[in-house]
Amino acid sequence: MTFPNIPDINPIDGLDVEQVALLLLSSIAFEELGLAHLINSEAEKLQGAIGTLVDDNGNLVNPDIKAESLQELLKVNKSVEKTLQSIIKKEMLLQFKFENVLDFLNQVDNNAPHG
């Protein structure tokens, strides 16, 4: 996986309101993309533990990671659960950030001269 190209924003002097809002929204989008990759990896971890993680030909990707007992499966499940709880917390913070950007844009719009 390659990293996206992020524009050089140093210095940020001279950016207008729209450019600032776009940078903030882009930062939210990049964080969401990262969380999506984490969710996918956790799903693959569970698939590996239950023995359903297969390649395009239907072959098990790594048979050695299949849980050998209920105890091992529960351990993997607990790990995934903790990771998903952290992702949910981050999602809540991103929602707050998004709402703050919307509030910022509304304030700018309300303070703009209407003519």
N, C-alpha and C. Protein backbone atom coordinates (compact mmCIF):
# COMPACT_ATOMS: atom_id res chain seq x y z
N MET A 1 0.84 -1.17 0.00
CA MET A 1 0.00 0.00 0.00
C MET A 1 0.89 1.23 0.00
N THR A 2 0.56 2.19 -0.84
CA THR A 2 1.32 3.42 -0.89
C THR A 2 0.59 4.51 -0.13
N PHE A 3 1.35 5.50 0.30
CA PHE A 3 0.76 6.62 1.01
C PHE A 3 0.33 7.68 0.01
N PRO A 4 -0.79 8.36 0.30
CA PRO A 4 -1.24 9.41 -0.61
C PRO A 4 -0.31 10.61 -0.55
N ASN A 5 -0.29 11.36 -1.61
CA ASN A 5 0.51 12.58 -1.64
C ASN A 5 -0.25 13.69 -0.93
N ILE A 6 0.37 14.25 0.08
CA ILE A 6 -0.24 15.34 0.83
C ILE A 6 0.46 16.62 0.41
N PRO A 7 -0.33 17.64 0.06
CA PRO A 7 0.33 18.87 -0.40
C PRO A 7 1.13 19.52 0.71
N ASP A 8 2.21 20.18 0.31
CA ASP A 8 3.04 20.91 1.26
C ASP A 8 2.24 22.10 1.77
N ILE A 9 2.02 22.18 3.07
CA ILE A 9 1.21 23.26 3.63
C ILE A 9 2.04 24.19 4.50
N ASN A 10 3.36 24.15 4.32
CA ASN A 10 4.23 25.04 5.10
C ASN A 10 4.74 26.16 4.23
N PRO A 11 4.58 27.38 4.55
CA PRO A 11 3.74 27.85 5.64
C PRO A 11 2.27 27.92 5.21
N ILE A 12 1.39 27.96 6.16
CA ILE A 12 -0.04 28.01 5.84
C ILE A 12 -0.55 29.43 5.73
N ASP A 13 0.34 30.40 5.92
CA ASP A 13 -0.05 31.79 5.73
C ASP A 13 -0.55 31.97 4.30
N GLY A 14 -1.58 32.73 4.17
CA GLY A 14 -2.09 33.01 2.84
C GLY A 14 -3.18 32.08 2.38
N LEU A 15 -3.50 31.05 3.16
CA LEU A 15 -4.59 30.16 2.78
C LEU A 15 -5.91 30.85 3.09
N ASP A 16 -6.86 30.68 2.17
CA ASP A 16 -8.18 31.25 2.46
C ASP A 16 -9.01 30.23 3.24
N VAL A 17 -10.18 30.65 3.63
CA VAL A 17 -11.05 29.82 4.47
C VAL A 17 -11.38 28.49 3.79
N GLU A 18 -11.65 28.55 2.51
CA GLU A 18 -11.99 27.32 1.78
C GLU A 18 -10.83 26.34 1.76
N GLN A 19 -9.62 26.85 1.57
CA GLN A 19 -8.44 25.97 1.56
C GLN A 19 -8.20 25.34 2.93
N VAL A 20 -8.40 26.13 3.99
CA VAL A 20 -8.24 25.60 5.34
C VAL A 20 -9.27 24.50 5.59
N ALA A 21 -10.53 24.76 5.20
CA ALA A 21 -11.59 23.77 5.40
C ALA A 21 -11.28 22.49 4.61
N LEU A 22 -10.79 22.64 3.39
CA LEU A 22 -10.46 21.46 2.59
C LEU A 22 -9.32 20.65 3.21
N LEU A 23 -8.32 21.34 3.76
CA LEU A 23 -7.23 20.63 4.44
C LEU A 23 -7.75 19.88 5.67
N LEU A 24 -8.62 20.52 6.42
CA LEU A 24 -9.19 19.85 7.60
C LEU A 24 -10.03 18.64 7.19
N LEU A 25 -10.85 18.80 6.17
CA LEU A 25 -11.67 17.68 5.70
C LEU A 25 -10.79 16.57 5.12
N SER A 26 -9.72 16.94 4.45
CA SER A 26 -8.78 15.93 3.92
C SER A 26 -8.13 15.15 5.06
N SER A 27 -7.78 15.85 6.13
CA SER A 27 -7.17 15.16 7.26
C SER A 27 -8.14 14.16 7.88
N ILE A 28 -9.41 14.53 7.94
CA ILE A 28 -10.42 13.59 8.44
C ILE A 28 -10.53 12.39 7.51
N ALA A 29 -10.55 12.64 6.22
CA ALA A 29 -10.66 11.55 5.24
C ALA A 29 -9.47 10.59 5.34
N PHE A 30 -8.26 11.12 5.49
CA PHE A 30 -7.08 10.25 5.62
C PHE A 30 -7.15 9.41 6.89
N GLU A 31 -7.62 10.00 7.98
CA GLU A 31 -7.76 9.24 9.21
C GLU A 31 -8.81 8.14 9.05
N GLU A 32 -9.91 8.46 8.38
CA GLU A 32 -10.94 7.45 8.12
C GLU A 32 -10.40 6.31 7.28
N LEU A 33 -9.58 6.65 6.28
CA LEU A 33 -8.97 5.62 5.44
C LEU A 33 -8.08 4.70 6.27
N GLY A 34 -7.31 5.28 7.16
CA GLY A 34 -6.46 4.48 8.05
C GLY A 34 -7.28 3.55 8.93
N LEU A 35 -8.39 4.07 9.45
CA LEU A 35 -9.26 3.24 10.29
C LEU A 35 -9.90 2.11 9.48
N ALA A 36 -10.24 2.40 8.24
CA ALA A 36 -10.81 1.35 7.38
C ALA A 36 -9.81 0.21 7.19
N HIS A 37 -8.53 0.55 7.01
CA HIS A 37 -7.50 -0.48 6.87
C HIS A 37 -7.37 -1.29 8.16
N LEU A 38 -7.46 -0.61 9.30
CA LEU A 38 -7.39 -1.34 10.57
C LEU A 38 -8.57 -2.29 10.74
N ILE A 39 -9.76 -1.83 10.39
CA ILE A 39 -10.95 -2.68 10.49
C ILE A 39 -10.78 -3.90 9.59
N ASN A 40 -10.29 -3.69 8.38
CA ASN A 40 -10.08 -4.80 7.46
C ASN A 40 -9.07 -5.80 8.02
N SER A 41 -7.99 -5.30 8.61
CA SER A 41 -6.99 -6.22 9.16
C SER A 41 -7.54 -7.02 10.33
N GLU A 42 -8.41 -6.40 11.11
CA GLU A 42 -9.02 -7.13 12.22
C GLU A 42 -9.97 -8.20 11.70
N ALA A 43 -10.68 -7.90 10.63
CA ALA A 43 -11.56 -8.91 10.01
C ALA A 43 -10.74 -10.08 9.49
N GLU A 44 -9.59 -9.76 8.88
CA GLU A 44 -8.72 -10.83 8.39
C GLU A 44 -8.14 -11.64 9.54
N LYS A 45 -7.87 -10.98 10.65
CA LYS A 45 -7.37 -11.72 11.83
C LYS A 45 -8.41 -12.75 12.28
N LEU A 46 -9.67 -12.33 12.32
CA LEU A 46 -10.73 -13.27 12.71
C LEU A 46 -10.89 -14.38 11.68
N GLN A 47 -10.85 -14.01 10.40
CA GLN A 47 -10.95 -15.03 9.35
C GLN A 47 -9.81 -16.04 9.46
N GLY A 48 -8.62 -15.55 9.75
CA GLY A 48 -7.49 -16.46 9.91
C GLY A 48 -7.69 -17.39 11.09
N ALA A 49 -8.21 -16.85 12.18
CA ALA A 49 -8.41 -17.66 13.40
C ALA A 49 -9.45 -18.74 13.21
N ILE A 50 -10.47 -18.44 12.38
CA ILE A 50 -11.50 -19.47 12.19
C ILE A 50 -11.26 -20.30 10.92
N GLY A 51 -10.18 -19.97 10.21
CA GLY A 51 -9.79 -20.78 9.06
C GLY A 51 -10.54 -20.48 7.79
N THR A 52 -11.02 -19.23 7.63
CA THR A 52 -11.74 -18.88 6.41
C THR A 52 -11.03 -17.80 5.59
N LEU A 53 -9.81 -17.47 5.95
CA LEU A 53 -9.05 -16.47 5.20
C LEU A 53 -8.38 -17.16 4.02
N VAL A 54 -8.94 -16.94 2.82
CA VAL A 54 -8.45 -17.63 1.62
C VAL A 54 -8.01 -16.62 0.57
N ASP A 55 -7.16 -17.09 -0.34
CA ASP A 55 -6.72 -16.26 -1.46
C ASP A 55 -7.74 -16.37 -2.59
N ASP A 56 -7.41 -15.78 -3.74
CA ASP A 56 -8.34 -15.78 -4.88
C ASP A 56 -8.62 -17.18 -5.42
N ASN A 57 -7.73 -18.12 -5.13
CA ASN A 57 -7.92 -19.49 -5.60
C ASN A 57 -8.64 -20.37 -4.59
N GLY A 58 -9.00 -19.79 -3.44
CA GLY A 58 -9.70 -20.55 -2.42
C GLY A 58 -8.79 -21.30 -1.47
N ASN A 59 -7.49 -21.03 -1.53
CA ASN A 59 -6.53 -21.70 -0.64
C ASN A 59 -6.38 -20.88 0.64
N LEU A 60 -6.23 -21.56 1.76
CA LEU A 60 -6.00 -20.86 3.02
C LEU A 60 -4.73 -20.02 2.92
N VAL A 61 -4.82 -18.77 3.34
CA VAL A 61 -3.68 -17.86 3.24
C VAL A 61 -2.56 -18.31 4.17
N ASN A 62 -2.90 -18.58 5.40
CA ASN A 62 -1.89 -19.02 6.37
C ASN A 62 -2.55 -19.98 7.35
N PRO A 63 -2.51 -21.27 7.04
CA PRO A 63 -3.18 -22.25 7.90
C PRO A 63 -2.62 -22.30 9.32
N ASP A 64 -1.40 -21.79 9.51
CA ASP A 64 -0.78 -21.84 10.84
C ASP A 64 -1.41 -20.88 11.84
N ILE A 65 -2.21 -19.91 11.36
CA ILE A 65 -2.81 -18.95 12.30
C ILE A 65 -4.21 -19.36 12.74
N LYS A 66 -4.70 -20.48 12.24
CA LYS A 66 -6.02 -20.96 12.65
C LYS A 66 -5.98 -21.36 14.12
N ALA A 67 -6.98 -20.90 14.85
CA ALA A 67 -7.06 -21.21 16.28
C ALA A 67 -7.21 -22.72 16.45
N GLU A 68 -6.45 -23.26 17.40
CA GLU A 68 -6.48 -24.70 17.66
C GLU A 68 -7.48 -25.09 18.74
N SER A 69 -7.99 -24.08 19.45
CA SER A 69 -8.93 -24.38 20.54
C SER A 69 -9.90 -23.22 20.70
N LEU A 70 -10.94 -23.47 21.45
CA LEU A 70 -11.90 -22.41 21.76
C LEU A 70 -11.21 -21.30 22.52
N GLN A 71 -10.30 -21.66 23.41
CA GLN A 71 -9.57 -20.66 24.21
C GLN A 71 -8.77 -19.71 23.30
N GLU A 72 -8.10 -20.27 22.30
CA GLU A 72 -7.34 -19.43 21.36
C GLU A 72 -8.28 -18.52 20.56
N LEU A 73 -9.41 -19.08 20.14
CA LEU A 73 -10.37 -18.30 19.38
C LEU A 73 -10.93 -17.15 20.21
N LEU A 74 -11.21 -17.42 21.48
CA LEU A 74 -11.71 -16.37 22.38
C LEU A 74 -10.65 -15.30 22.61
N LYS A 75 -9.40 -15.71 22.66
CA LYS A 75 -8.31 -14.74 22.84
C LYS A 75 -8.21 -13.80 21.63
N VAL A 76 -8.30 -14.36 20.44
CA VAL A 76 -8.27 -13.54 19.22
C VAL A 76 -9.48 -12.61 19.19
N ASN A 77 -10.63 -13.15 19.54
CA ASN A 77 -11.84 -12.35 19.54
C ASN A 77 -11.73 -11.17 20.51
N LYS A 78 -11.16 -11.41 21.67
CA LYS A 78 -10.98 -10.34 22.66
C LYS A 78 -10.03 -9.27 22.13
N SER A 79 -8.98 -9.70 21.46
CA SER A 79 -8.04 -8.76 20.86
C SER A 79 -8.72 -7.88 19.81
N VAL A 80 -9.51 -8.50 18.96
CA VAL A 80 -10.24 -7.76 17.92
C VAL A 80 -11.24 -6.80 18.57
N GLU A 81 -11.90 -7.27 19.60
CA GLU A 81 -12.88 -6.43 20.30
C GLU A 81 -12.22 -5.17 20.87
N LYS A 82 -11.06 -5.34 21.50
CA LYS A 82 -10.36 -4.18 22.07
C LYS A 82 -9.93 -3.21 20.98
N THR A 83 -9.44 -3.73 19.88
CA THR A 83 -9.03 -2.86 18.77
C THR A 83 -10.22 -2.11 18.20
N LEU A 84 -11.34 -2.80 18.01
CA LEU A 84 -12.53 -2.14 17.47
C LEU A 84 -13.07 -1.09 18.44
N GLN A 85 -12.95 -1.31 19.73
CA GLN A 85 -13.35 -0.30 20.70
C GLN A 85 -12.50 0.96 20.55
N SER A 86 -11.21 0.78 20.33
CA SER A 86 -10.33 1.93 20.11
C SER A 86 -10.69 2.65 18.82
N ILE A 87 -11.03 1.90 17.79
CA ILE A 87 -11.43 2.50 16.52
C ILE A 87 -12.72 3.31 16.70
N ILE A 88 -13.65 2.77 17.46
CA ILE A 88 -14.91 3.49 17.72
C ILE A 88 -14.63 4.80 18.44
N LYS A 89 -13.72 4.79 19.39
CA LYS A 89 -13.36 6.02 20.10
C LYS A 89 -12.79 7.04 19.12
N LYS A 90 -11.93 6.59 18.23
CA LYS A 90 -11.34 7.48 17.24
C LYS A 90 -12.42 8.02 16.30
N GLU A 91 -13.37 7.17 15.92
CA GLU A 91 -14.47 7.61 15.07
C GLU A 91 -15.27 8.73 15.74
N MET A 92 -15.48 8.61 17.03
CA MET A 92 -16.20 9.65 17.75
C MET A 92 -15.42 10.97 17.71
N LEU A 93 -14.11 10.90 17.90
CA LEU A 93 -13.28 12.11 17.84
C LEU A 93 -13.32 12.71 16.43
N LEU A 94 -13.31 11.88 15.42
CA LEU A 94 -13.39 12.38 14.05
C LEU A 94 -14.74 13.03 13.78
N GLN A 95 -15.79 12.49 14.37
CA GLN A 95 -17.12 13.11 14.23
C GLN A 95 -17.12 14.50 14.85
N PHE A 96 -16.51 14.63 16.04
CA PHE A 96 -16.40 15.95 16.68
C PHE A 96 -15.60 16.90 15.81
N LYS A 97 -14.50 16.42 15.25
CA LYS A 97 -13.66 17.25 14.38
C LYS A 97 -14.46 17.71 13.16
N PHE A 98 -15.21 16.81 12.57
CA PHE A 98 -16.03 17.14 11.41
C PHE A 98 -17.07 18.19 11.77
N GLU A 99 -17.74 18.00 12.89
CA GLU A 99 -18.74 18.97 13.34
C GLU A 99 -18.11 20.33 13.59
N ASN A 100 -16.89 20.35 14.12
CA ASN A 100 -16.19 21.62 14.34
C ASN A 100 -15.88 22.31 13.02
N VAL A 101 -15.50 21.54 12.01
CA VAL A 101 -15.24 22.13 10.69
C VAL A 101 -16.53 22.72 10.13
N LEU A 102 -17.64 22.00 10.27
CA LEU A 102 -18.92 22.52 9.79
C LEU A 102 -19.30 23.80 10.52
N ASP A 103 -19.11 23.82 11.84
CA ASP A 103 -19.39 25.03 12.63
C ASP A 103 -18.51 26.18 12.16
N PHE A 104 -17.24 25.89 11.91
CA PHE A 104 -16.31 26.90 11.42
C PHE A 104 -16.81 27.49 10.10
N LEU A 105 -17.23 26.62 9.19
CA LEU A 105 -17.72 27.09 7.89
C LEU A 105 -19.00 27.90 8.04
N ASN A 106 -19.88 27.48 8.94
CA ASN A 106 -21.12 28.23 9.17
C ASN A 106 -20.82 29.61 9.76
N GLN A 107 -19.86 29.68 10.68
CA GLN A 107 -19.49 30.97 11.26
C GLN A 107 -18.92 31.89 10.20
N VAL A 108 -18.07 31.35 9.35
CA VAL A 108 -17.47 32.16 8.29
C VAL A 108 -18.57 32.65 7.34
N ASP A 109 -19.49 31.76 7.01
CA ASP A 109 -20.57 32.11 6.09
C ASP A 109 -21.48 33.17 6.71
N ASN A 110 -21.77 33.03 8.01
CA ASN A 110 -22.64 34.00 8.68
C ASN A 110 -21.98 35.35 8.85
N ASN A 111 -20.65 35.39 8.92
CA ASN A 111 -19.93 36.64 9.10
C ASN A 111 -19.53 37.30 7.79
N ALA A 112 -19.76 36.58 6.69
CA ALA A 112 -19.40 37.12 5.39
C ALA A 112 -20.37 38.23 5.00
N PRO A 113 -19.87 39.27 4.38
CA PRO A 113 -20.77 40.36 3.95
C PRO A 113 -21.69 39.86 2.83
N HIS A 114 -22.93 40.15 2.98
CA HIS A 114 -23.92 39.75 1.96
C HIS A 114 -24.28 40.96 1.12
N GLY A 115 -24.24 40.80 -0.15
CA GLY A 115 -24.48 41.96 -0.98
C GLY A 115 -25.27 41.71 -2.16
